[in-house]
C-alpha atoms as a PDB file:
ATOM      1  CA  ASP A   1      97.738 127.091  81.664  1.00  0.00           C
ATOM      2  CA  ASN A   2      94.807 125.664  79.944  1.00  0.00           C
ATOM      3  CA  VAL A   3      95.691 122.137  80.450  1.00  0.00           C
ATOM      4  CA  ILE A   4      95.049 122.273  84.084  1.00  0.00           C
ATOM      5  CA  GLU A   5      91.812 123.386  83.980  1.00  0.00           C
ATOM      6  CA  PHE A   6      90.978 121.130  81.254  1.00  0.00           C
ATOM      7  CA  PHE A   7      92.510 118.457  83.083  1.00  0.00           C
ATOM      8  CA  GLN A   8      90.239 119.559  86.137  1.00  0.00           C
ATOM      9  CA  GLN A   9      87.173 119.045  84.159  1.00  0.00           C
ATOM     10  CA  VAL A  10      88.503 115.647  82.586  1.00  0.00           C
ATOM     11  CA  CYS A  11      88.813 114.235  86.010  1.00  0.00           C
ATOM     12  CA  ASP A  12      85.434 115.316  87.200  1.00  0.00           C
ATOM     13  CA  PHE A  13      83.901 113.538  84.485  1.00  0.00           C
ATOM     14  CA  LYS A  14      86.190 110.758  84.305  1.00  0.00           C
ATOM     15  CA  THR A  15      86.840 110.633  80.335  1.00  0.00           C
ATOM     16  CA  ASP A  16      89.230 109.039  78.257  1.00  0.00           C
ATOM     17  CA  LEU A  17      90.941 112.399  77.740  1.00  0.00           C
ATOM     18  CA  LYS A  18      93.088 111.933  80.938  1.00  0.00           C
ATOM     19  CA  ASP A  19      95.750 110.295  78.775  1.00  0.00           C
ATOM     20  CA  THR A  20      95.926 113.081  76.199  1.00  0.00           C
ATOM     21  CA  CYS A  21      95.998 115.517  79.340  1.00  0.00           C
ATOM     22  CA  TRP A  22      99.067 113.665  80.792  1.00  0.00           C
ATOM     23  CA  LYS A  23     100.892 113.746  77.695  1.00  0.00           C
ATOM     24  CA  ILE A  24     100.746 117.621  77.493  1.00  0.00           C
ATOM     25  CA  ILE A  25     101.162 117.999  81.084  1.00  0.00           C
ATOM     26  CA  GLU A  26     104.485 116.038  80.757  1.00  0.00           C
ATOM     27  CA  GLN A  27     105.546 117.697  77.464  1.00  0.00           C
ATOM     28  CA  TYR A  28     105.239 121.381  79.875  1.00  0.00           C
ATOM     29  CA  ARG A  29     105.539 120.143  83.141  1.00  0.00           C
ATOM     30  CA  HIS A  30     107.789 123.027  84.082  1.00  0.00           C
ATOM     31  CA  LYS A  31     105.201 125.760  82.884  1.00  0.00           C
ATOM     32  CA  VAL A  32     102.359 123.849  84.372  1.00  0.00           C
ATOM     33  CA  ALA A  33     104.004 123.771  87.975  1.00  0.00           C
ATOM     34  CA  LYS A  34     104.320 127.310  87.567  1.00  0.00           C
ATOM     35  CA  SER A  35     100.873 128.203  86.148  1.00  0.00           C
ATOM     36  CA  GLN A  36      98.484 130.027  88.109  1.00  0.00           C
ATOM     37  CA  SER A  37      95.830 127.171  87.592  1.00  0.00           C
ATOM     38  CA  PHE A  38      98.098 124.449  89.049  1.00  0.00           C
ATOM     39  CA  LEU A  39      98.250 126.505  92.438  1.00  0.00           C
ATOM     40  CA  ASP A  40      94.730 126.668  92.491  1.00  0.00           C
ATOM     41  CA  MET A  41      94.081 123.067  91.845  1.00  0.00           C
ATOM     42  CA  ARG A  42      92.004 120.799  94.488  1.00  0.00           C
ATOM     43  CA  TYR A  43      93.679 118.465  96.726  1.00  0.00           C
ATOM     44  CA  SER A  44      92.124 115.562  95.276  1.00  0.00           C
ATOM     45  CA  GLN A  45      93.840 116.608  91.878  1.00  0.00           C
ATOM     46  CA  ILE A  46      97.260 117.663  92.995  1.00  0.00           C
ATOM     47  CA  ILE A  47      97.834 114.078  94.614  1.00  0.00           C
ATOM     48  CA  HIS A  48      97.551 112.812  91.086  1.00  0.00           C
ATOM     49  CA  PHE A  49     100.561 114.860  90.105  1.00  0.00           C
ATOM     50  CA  ILE A  50     102.521 113.979  93.125  1.00  0.00           C
ATOM     51  CA  GLU A  51     102.035 110.178  92.691  1.00  0.00           C
ATOM     52  CA  ARG A  52     102.109 110.008  89.065  1.00  0.00           C
ATOM     53  CA  GLU A  53     104.861 107.504  87.895  1.00  0.00           C
ATOM     54  CA  PRO A  54     107.273 108.159  86.246  1.00  0.00           C
ATOM     55  CA  SER A  55     107.503 111.086  88.371  1.00  0.00           C
ATOM     56  CA  LEU A  56     106.514 114.728  86.956  1.00  0.00           C
ATOM     57  CA  PHE A  57     109.586 116.085  88.852  1.00  0.00           C
ATOM     58  CA  THR A  58     113.562 115.907  88.267  1.00  0.00           C
ATOM     59  CA  ASN A  59     113.933 114.838  91.868  1.00  0.00           C
ATOM     60  CA  GLU A  60     112.122 115.059  95.372  1.00  0.00           C
ATOM     61  CA  LEU A  61     113.137 118.330  96.494  1.00  0.00           C
ATOM     62  CA  GLU A  62     111.816 119.815  93.370  1.00  0.00           C
ATOM     63  CA  LYS A  63     108.503 117.962  93.985  1.00  0.00           C
ATOM     64  CA  PHE A  64     108.874 119.099  97.786  1.00  0.00           C
ATOM     65  CA  LYS A  65     109.124 122.772  96.542  1.00  0.00           C
ATOM     66  CA  VAL A  66     105.842 122.614  94.056  1.00  0.00           C
ATOM     67  CA  CYS A  67     104.232 121.287  97.222  1.00  0.00           C
ATOM     68  CA  ILE A  68     105.027 124.174  99.484  1.00  0.00           C
ATOM     69  CA  LYS A  69     104.309 126.796  96.590  1.00  0.00           C
ATOM     70  CA  TRP A  70     100.684 124.906  95.985  1.00  0.00           C
ATOM     71  CA  ALA A  71     100.144 124.796 100.067  1.00  0.00           C
ATOM     72  CA  LYS A  72     100.887 128.418 100.389  1.00  0.00           C
ATOM     73  CA  ARG A  73      98.571 129.311  97.423  1.00  0.00           C
ATOM     74  CA  GLN A  74      96.104 127.432  99.352  1.00  0.00           C
ATOM     75  CA  CYS A  75      96.943 129.399 102.659  1.00  0.00           C
ATOM     76  CA  TYR A  76      96.309 132.626 100.890  1.00  0.00           C
ATOM     77  CA  LEU A  77      92.983 131.386  99.494  1.00  0.00           C
ATOM     78  CA  ARG A  78      91.657 130.342 102.967  1.00  0.00           C
ATOM     79  CA  LYS A  79      92.650 133.358 104.756  1.00  0.00           C
ATOM     80  CA  LEU A  80      95.213 131.403 106.653  1.00  0.00           C
ATOM     81  CA  ILE A  81      98.816 132.111 107.788  1.00  0.00           C
ATOM     82  CA  ALA A  82     101.160 130.217 105.687  1.00  0.00           C
ATOM     83  CA  ASP A  83     103.461 128.795 108.699  1.00  0.00           C
ATOM     84  CA  GLY A  84     104.425 125.169 109.023  1.00  0.00           C
ATOM     85  CA  THR A  85     101.375 124.034 111.020  1.00  0.00           C
ATOM     86  CA  ASN A  86      99.015 125.537 108.231  1.00  0.00           C
ATOM     87  CA  ILE A  87     101.295 124.125 105.536  1.00  0.00           C
ATOM     88  CA  ARG A  88     100.897 120.790 106.627  1.00  0.00           C
ATOM     89  CA  ARG A  89      97.331 120.481 107.247  1.00  0.00           C
ATOM     90  CA  ILE A  90      97.032 121.624 103.796  1.00  0.00           C
ATOM     91  CA  LEU A  91      99.442 118.864 102.370  1.00  0.00           C
ATOM     92  CA  LYS A  92      97.916 116.143 104.628  1.00  0.00           C
ATOM     93  CA  THR A  93      99.334 112.774 103.211  1.00  0.00           C
ATOM     94  CA  ILE A  94     101.294 114.717 100.411  1.00  0.00           C
ATOM     95  CA  LEU A  95     104.154 114.559 102.538  1.00  0.00           C
ATOM     96  CA  ASN A  96     104.125 110.830 102.731  1.00  0.00           C
ATOM     97  CA  LYS A  97     104.494 110.747  98.996  1.00  0.00           C
ATOM     98  CA  ILE A  98     107.799 112.646  98.949  1.00  0.00           C
ATOM     99  CA  ASP A  99     110.855 110.505  99.499  1.00  0.00           C
ATOM    100  CA  PHE A 100     112.832 112.935 101.711  1.00  0.00           C
ATOM    101  CA  LYS A 101     115.451 110.191 102.422  1.00  0.00           C
ATOM    102  CA  SER A 102     116.671 110.605  98.958  1.00  0.00           C
ATOM    103  CA  MET A 103     117.624 114.008  99.513  1.00  0.00           C
ATOM    104  CA  THR A 104     121.017 115.075 100.366  1.00  0.00           C
ATOM    105  CA  VAL A 105     121.800 116.433 104.078  1.00  0.00           C
ATOM    106  CA  GLN A 106     122.179 119.526 102.432  1.00  0.00           C
ATOM    107  CA  ASP A 107     118.966 119.917 100.463  1.00  0.00           C
ATOM    108  CA  PHE A 108     116.875 118.846 103.483  1.00  0.00           C
ATOM    109  CA  THR A 109     118.421 121.471 105.619  1.00  0.00           C
ATOM    110  CA  GLN A 110     118.661 124.536 103.350  1.00  0.00           C
ATOM    111  CA  ASN A 111     115.328 123.832 101.688  1.00  0.00           C
ATOM    112  CA  VAL A 112     112.876 121.750 104.016  1.00  0.00           C
ATOM    113  CA  LEU A 113     113.628 122.551 107.803  1.00  0.00           C
ATOM    114  CA  ASP A 114     112.851 126.083 107.573  1.00  0.00           C
ATOM    115  CA  TYR A 115     109.120 125.122 107.093  1.00  0.00           C
ATOM    116  CA  ARG A 116     108.861 123.761 110.357  1.00  0.00           C
ATOM    117  CA  LEU A 117     106.527 121.166 109.149  1.00  0.00           C
ATOM    118  CA  PHE A 118     108.098 118.296 111.549  1.00  0.00           C
ATOM    119  CA  SER A 119     107.607 117.210 114.975  1.00  0.00           C
ATOM    120  CA  SER A 120     111.100 116.550 117.211  1.00  0.00           C
ATOM    121  CA  GLU A 121     110.191 113.072 116.990  1.00  0.00           C
ATOM    122  CA  GLU A 122     109.975 113.326 113.323  1.00  0.00           C
ATOM    123  CA  LEU A 123     113.496 115.375 112.734  1.00  0.00           C
ATOM    124  CA  ILE A 124     115.171 112.944 115.017  1.00  0.00           C
ATOM    125  CA  SER A 125     113.880 110.205 112.856  1.00  0.00           C
ATOM    126  CA  PHE A 126     115.220 112.190 109.608  1.00  0.00           C
ATOM    127  CA  TRP A 127     118.901 112.654 111.354  1.00  0.00           C
ATOM    128  CA  LYS A 128     119.195 108.835 112.331  1.00  0.00           C
ATOM    129  CA  HIS A 129     118.628 108.342 108.713  1.00  0.00           C
ATOM    130  CA  PHE A 130     121.230 110.987 107.493  1.00  0.00           C
ATOM    131  CA  PHE A 131     123.813 110.016 109.952  1.00  0.00           C
ATOM    132  CA  SER A 132     123.494 106.282 110.509  1.00  0.00           C
ATOM    133  CA  GLY A 133     124.729 104.968 107.312  1.00  0.00           C
ATOM    134  CA  ASN A 134     122.070 102.771 107.264  1.00  0.00           C
ATOM    135  CA  THR A 135     120.352 102.575 104.033  1.00  0.00           C
ATOM    136  CA  ALA A 136     117.508 100.535 105.612  1.00  0.00           C
ATOM    137  CA  ASN A 137     116.543 103.115 107.892  1.00  0.00           C
ATOM    138  CA  GLN A 138     113.057 104.310 107.356  1.00  0.00           C
ATOM    139  CA  ILE A 139     111.607 107.920 108.026  1.00  0.00           C
ATOM    140  CA  PHE A 140     108.504 108.456 110.037  1.00  0.00           C
ATOM    141  CA  LEU A 141     106.071 110.742 109.372  1.00  0.00           C
ATOM    142  CA  ARG A 142     103.229 111.418 111.859  1.00  0.00           C
ATOM    143  CA  LYS A 143      99.869 109.499 110.772  1.00  0.00           C
ATOM    144  CA  GLU A 144      97.441 112.138 109.534  1.00  0.00           C
ATOM    145  CA  GLU A 145      94.196 111.662 110.935  1.00  0.00           C
ATOM    146  CA  ASP A 146      92.814 114.730 112.736  1.00  0.00           C
ATOM    147  CA  PRO A 147      94.860 117.723 111.942  1.00  0.00           C
ATOM    148  CA  ASN A 148      93.822 119.440 115.240  1.00  0.00           C
ATOM    149  CA  GLN A 149      94.939 116.382 117.256  1.00  0.00           C
ATOM    150  CA  ILE A 150      98.570 115.181 117.899  1.00  0.00           C
ATOM    151  CA  SER A 151      99.145 111.626 117.784  1.00  0.00           C
ATOM    152  CA  THR A 152     102.079 109.744 119.397  1.00  0.00           C
ATOM    153  CA  GLN A 153     101.545 107.045 116.509  1.00  0.00           C
ATOM    154  CA  TYR A 154     103.842 107.515 113.278  1.00  0.00           C
ATOM    155  CA  GLN A 155     103.818 105.740 110.404  1.00  0.00           C
ATOM    156  CA  VAL A 156     106.608 104.191 108.203  1.00  0.00           C
ATOM    157  CA  LYS A 157     106.913 104.785 104.439  1.00  0.00           C
ATOM    158  CA  ASN A 158     106.301 100.961 104.244  1.00  0.00           C
ATOM    159  CA  SER A 159     103.345 101.025 106.252  1.00  0.00           C
ATOM    160  CA  LEU A 160     104.543  99.405 109.509  1.00  0.00           C
ATOM    161  CA  GLU A 161     103.308 101.286 112.301  1.00  0.00           C
ATOM    162  CA  VAL A 162     105.310 102.341 115.523  1.00  0.00           C
ATOM    163  CA  SER A 163     104.093 103.390 118.614  1.00  0.00           C
ATOM    164  CA  VAL A 164     105.879 105.947 120.933  1.00  0.00           C
ATOM    165  CA  PRO A 165     104.569 105.276 124.447  1.00  0.00           C
ATOM    166  CA  GLN A 166     104.484 108.596 126.282  1.00  0.00           C
ATOM    167  CA  ASP A 167     106.588 107.279 129.204  1.00  0.00           C
ATOM    168  CA  SER A 168     109.402 106.571 127.080  1.00  0.00           C
ATOM    169  CA  VAL A 169     110.095 110.286 126.654  1.00  0.00           C
ATOM    170  CA  VAL A 170     112.641 111.248 129.613  1.00  0.00           C
ATOM    171  CA  PRO A 171     112.814 115.078 130.414  1.00  0.00           C
ATOM    172  CA  LEU A 172     116.392 116.278 130.098  1.00  0.00           C
ATOM    173  CA  THR A 173     117.749 117.736 133.621  1.00  0.00           C
ATOM    174  CA  PRO A 174     120.898 119.748 133.956  1.00  0.00           C
ATOM    175  CA  PRO A 175     123.853 117.763 135.880  1.00  0.00           C
ATOM    176  CA  PRO A 176     124.104 118.119 139.578  1.00  0.00           C
ATOM    177  CA  SER A 177     126.418 121.133 140.227  1.00  0.00           C
END
């Protein structure tokens, strides 16, 4: 538990002790991710854990669950309801660091969907990936700019951008009787 507090101080002062902290964190990663200090870390520090290579997590589902747990704690600290909208705002670009396409359909539906983090368009992209059989398919996530603004731009994980024009959305109408 103390290594996280020490890590935060080391990050603030950019000392050479960071490598020593990482070694301890890697050795006790399961304990660290469950510690109160981990849940209380600032965004600028949690992103180091998520981006760490080699990963501190066994798989992307474990990484997702840890991120959700951290985001829920942040919602609590900020006196926000821990719903999909607030969790997404707290996570910001962390969601782009999770490789959802490596999850199974079962993992995605049983562990990710219930948080309601994604727009309809993003979910369509996920389902296209899961059911197309095309492993080159990319998953699009909303570009995180202003969390209070909804954008029609999407960001592909490989940094290409795709624009979805408003006039391409066709409302569903019931068939004539």
